């Protein structure tokens, strides 16, 4: 039981760490898109 408990704990911990990394990447991509699209919007105006 102890091994299973620690195994589940590690899987959950890794999943949360992965989600945090994915969220950070998504934020970076969204900011990059904003920076790349802002000049286009200014050109249209």
Protein backbone atom coordinates (compact mmCIF):
# COMPACT_ATOMS: atom_id res chain seq x y z
CA UNK A 1 0.00 0.00 0.00
CA UNK A 2 2.82 2.38 0.86
CA UNK A 3 4.42 1.97 -2.59
CA UNK A 4 1.09 2.54 -4.35
CA UNK A 5 0.44 5.63 -2.24
CA UNK A 6 3.82 7.13 -3.05
CA UNK A 7 3.39 6.18 -6.71
CA UNK A 8 0.06 7.98 -6.92
CA UNK A 9 1.49 10.94 -5.05
CA UNK A 10 4.40 11.21 -7.50
CA UNK A 11 2.08 10.91 -10.52
CA UNK A 12 -0.15 13.68 -9.15
CA UNK A 13 2.87 15.85 -8.34
CA UNK A 14 4.30 15.37 -11.84
CA UNK A 15 0.90 16.07 -13.43
CA UNK A 16 0.56 19.34 -11.51
CA UNK A 17 4.11 20.34 -12.45
CA UNK A 18 3.36 19.51 -16.10
CA UNK A 19 0.15 21.56 -16.04
CA UNK A 20 2.04 24.50 -14.56
CA UNK A 21 4.66 24.26 -17.34
CA UNK A 22 1.95 24.02 -20.01
CA UNK A 23 0.17 27.06 -18.60
CA UNK A 24 3.44 29.02 -18.59
CA UNK A 25 4.06 28.01 -22.21
CA UNK A 26 0.50 29.01 -23.18
CA UNK A 27 1.00 32.43 -21.56
CA UNK A 28 4.30 32.89 -23.41
CA UNK A 29 2.68 31.91 -26.73
CA UNK A 30 -0.27 34.28 -26.16
CA UNK A 31 2.04 37.19 -25.32
CA UNK A 32 4.17 36.38 -28.38
CA UNK A 33 1.03 36.39 -30.56
CA UNK A 34 -0.01 39.73 -29.07
CA UNK A 35 3.42 41.21 -29.80
CA UNK A 36 3.40 39.89 -33.37
CA UNK A 37 -0.21 40.93 -34.10
CA UNK A 38 -0.06 44.41 -32.53
CA UNK A 39 1.83 45.99 -35.50
CA UNK A 40 -0.77 44.52 -37.88
CA UNK A 41 -3.60 46.14 -35.91
CA UNK A 42 -1.83 49.51 -35.94
CA UNK A 43 -1.32 49.23 -39.72
CA UNK A 44 -5.05 48.55 -40.25
CA UNK A 45 -5.98 51.67 -38.23
